[in-house]
Amino acid sequence: MLDEKPLLPKLVTNRAKFGHSVLTYKNQWDSKAKMSKRISGKTIGRILSDDGLGQIVFSSKFLKENPLWKDYIVTKVGRGQYTVEKKLL
């Protein structure tokens, strides 16, 4: 059996004072404006580099709610591109 990696939720990064915040989000279609609008967002961690690329340091609250991510390293490698790797024990 192959060890399958968990699926990442939709993520967005926002520039912060130190590095970048990483958030999950949900969008909803606004038929009046004829565009999608973000209806919710939740911070799950940070990327500590200035360019917004690199390993995501998950928040303790996120890891408490989603313990399976403790075993994985998630790295942002480009715009909307992430790698997920299992931590070596």
C-alpha atoms as a PDB file:
ATOM      1  CA  MET A   1       0.000   0.000   0.000  1.00  0.00           C
ATOM      2  CA  LEU A   2       1.312   3.416  -0.929  1.00  0.00           C
ATOM      3  CA  ASP A   3       1.617   6.097   1.701  1.00  0.00           C
ATOM      4  CA  GLU A   4      -0.760   8.760   0.364  1.00  0.00           C
ATOM      5  CA  LYS A   5      -0.157  12.387   1.229  1.00  0.00           C
ATOM      6  CA  PRO A   6      -3.048  14.428   2.640  1.00  0.00           C
ATOM      7  CA  LEU A   7      -4.642  17.032   0.393  1.00  0.00           C
ATOM      8  CA  LEU A   8      -3.938  20.667   1.132  1.00  0.00           C
ATOM      9  CA  PRO A   9      -6.900  22.993   1.559  1.00  0.00           C
ATOM     10  CA  LYS A  10      -7.061  26.136  -0.594  1.00  0.00           C
ATOM     11  CA  LEU A  11      -4.249  28.384   0.648  1.00  0.00           C
ATOM     12  CA  VAL A  12      -3.317  32.019   0.256  1.00  0.00           C
ATOM     13  CA  THR A  13      -0.381  33.938   1.703  1.00  0.00           C
ATOM     14  CA  ASN A  14      -0.486  37.521   2.947  1.00  0.00           C
ATOM     15  CA  ARG A  15       2.531  39.710   3.644  1.00  0.00           C
ATOM     16  CA  ALA A  16       2.975  40.243   7.373  1.00  0.00           C
ATOM     17  CA  LYS A  17       5.401  42.246   9.495  1.00  0.00           C
ATOM     18  CA  PHE A  18       7.776  39.268   9.656  1.00  0.00           C
ATOM     19  CA  GLY A  19       7.409  36.905   6.695  1.00  0.00           C
ATOM     20  CA  HIS A  20       4.036  35.829   5.353  1.00  0.00           C
ATOM     21  CA  SER A  21       0.869  34.511   6.983  1.00  0.00           C
ATOM     22  CA  VAL A  22      -0.653  31.371   5.464  1.00  0.00           C
ATOM     23  CA  LEU A  23      -4.439  31.154   5.439  1.00  0.00           C
ATOM     24  CA  THR A  24      -7.113  28.735   4.312  1.00  0.00           C
ATOM     25  CA  TYR A  25     -10.104  30.337   2.660  1.00  0.00           C
ATOM     26  CA  LYS A  26     -13.552  29.759   1.201  1.00  0.00           C
ATOM     27  CA  ASN A  27     -15.028  31.671  -1.684  1.00  0.00           C
ATOM     28  CA  GLN A  28     -18.631  32.203  -2.703  1.00  0.00           C
ATOM     29  CA  TRP A  29     -19.979  33.366  -6.049  1.00  0.00           C
ATOM     30  CA  ASP A  30     -21.599  36.805  -5.938  1.00  0.00           C
ATOM     31  CA  SER A  31     -24.045  36.783  -8.846  1.00  0.00           C
ATOM     32  CA  LYS A  32     -24.741  40.502  -8.495  1.00  0.00           C
ATOM     33  CA  ALA A  33     -21.062  41.473  -8.809  1.00  0.00           C
ATOM     34  CA  LYS A  34     -20.434  38.498 -11.150  1.00  0.00           C
ATOM     35  CA  MET A  35     -17.306  37.486  -9.306  1.00  0.00           C
ATOM     36  CA  SER A  36     -16.113  35.246  -6.527  1.00  0.00           C
ATOM     37  CA  LYS A  37     -15.623  36.783  -3.073  1.00  0.00           C
ATOM     38  CA  ARG A  38     -13.798  35.410  -0.064  1.00  0.00           C
ATOM     39  CA  ILE A  39     -16.321  34.671   2.674  1.00  0.00           C
ATOM     40  CA  SER A  40     -13.983  33.232   5.300  1.00  0.00           C
ATOM     41  CA  GLY A  41     -10.320  32.804   6.084  1.00  0.00           C
ATOM     42  CA  LYS A  42      -8.328  31.195   8.864  1.00  0.00           C
ATOM     43  CA  THR A  43      -4.624  31.572   9.634  1.00  0.00           C
ATOM     44  CA  ILE A  44      -2.903  28.178   9.792  1.00  0.00           C
ATOM     45  CA  GLY A  45       0.759  29.188   9.930  1.00  0.00           C
ATOM     46  CA  ARG A  46       3.601  31.355   8.647  1.00  0.00           C
ATOM     47  CA  ILE A  47       6.380  31.400   6.096  1.00  0.00           C
ATOM     48  CA  LEU A  48       9.325  33.213   7.609  1.00  0.00           C
ATOM     49  CA  SER A  49      11.095  34.274   4.383  1.00  0.00           C
ATOM     50  CA  ASP A  50      10.774  37.743   2.863  1.00  0.00           C
ATOM     51  CA  ASP A  51       9.852  36.412  -0.591  1.00  0.00           C
ATOM     52  CA  GLY A  52       6.965  34.249   0.672  1.00  0.00           C
ATOM     53  CA  LEU A  53       8.570  31.005  -0.452  1.00  0.00           C
ATOM     54  CA  GLY A  54       9.719  28.257   1.873  1.00  0.00           C
ATOM     55  CA  GLN A  55       8.518  25.924   4.575  1.00  0.00           C
ATOM     56  CA  ILE A  56       5.195  26.594   6.291  1.00  0.00           C
ATOM     57  CA  VAL A  57       5.498  26.654  10.077  1.00  0.00           C
ATOM     58  CA  PHE A  58       2.051  25.499  11.155  1.00  0.00           C
ATOM     59  CA  SER A  59       0.461  27.135  14.201  1.00  0.00           C
ATOM     60  CA  SER A  60      -0.080  25.011  17.298  1.00  0.00           C
ATOM     61  CA  LYS A  61      -3.835  25.636  17.043  1.00  0.00           C
ATOM     62  CA  PHE A  62      -3.920  24.292  13.468  1.00  0.00           C
ATOM     63  CA  LEU A  63      -1.869  21.224  14.430  1.00  0.00           C
ATOM     64  CA  LYS A  64      -4.135  20.554  17.400  1.00  0.00           C
ATOM     65  CA  GLU A  65      -7.172  20.590  15.080  1.00  0.00           C
ATOM     66  CA  ASN A  66      -5.349  18.703  12.277  1.00  0.00           C
ATOM     67  CA  PRO A  67      -2.798  16.378  13.924  1.00  0.00           C
ATOM     68  CA  LEU A  68      -1.957  14.465  10.723  1.00  0.00           C
ATOM     69  CA  TRP A  69      -0.030  17.512   9.446  1.00  0.00           C
ATOM     70  CA  LYS A  70       2.531  17.035  12.274  1.00  0.00           C
ATOM     71  CA  ASP A  71       4.090  14.283  10.157  1.00  0.00           C
ATOM     72  CA  TYR A  72       4.491  16.407   7.007  1.00  0.00           C
ATOM     73  CA  ILE A  73       6.632  19.277   5.740  1.00  0.00           C
ATOM     74  CA  VAL A  74       4.778  21.674   3.434  1.00  0.00           C
ATOM     75  CA  THR A  75       6.824  24.077   1.341  1.00  0.00           C
ATOM     76  CA  LYS A  76       5.610  26.874  -0.910  1.00  0.00           C
ATOM     77  CA  VAL A  77       7.713  26.701  -4.074  1.00  0.00           C
ATOM     78  CA  GLY A  78       5.862  29.147  -6.317  1.00  0.00           C
ATOM     79  CA  ARG A  79       2.627  31.022  -6.822  1.00  0.00           C
ATOM     80  CA  GLY A  80      -0.067  28.537  -5.783  1.00  0.00           C
ATOM     81  CA  GLN A  81       2.472  25.693  -5.798  1.00  0.00           C
ATOM     82  CA  TYR A  82       3.254  23.646  -2.710  1.00  0.00           C
ATOM     83  CA  THR A  83       5.172  20.449  -2.024  1.00  0.00           C
ATOM     84  CA  VAL A  84       4.136  17.999   0.687  1.00  0.00           C
ATOM     85  CA  GLU A  85       6.741  15.609   2.048  1.00  0.00           C
ATOM     86  CA  LYS A  86       6.567  13.125   4.889  1.00  0.00           C
ATOM     87  CA  LYS A  87       9.005  13.917   7.717  1.00  0.00           C
ATOM     88  CA  LEU A  88      11.816  11.412   8.107  1.00  0.00           C
ATOM     89  CA  LEU A  89      11.799   9.746  11.482  1.00  0.00           C
END
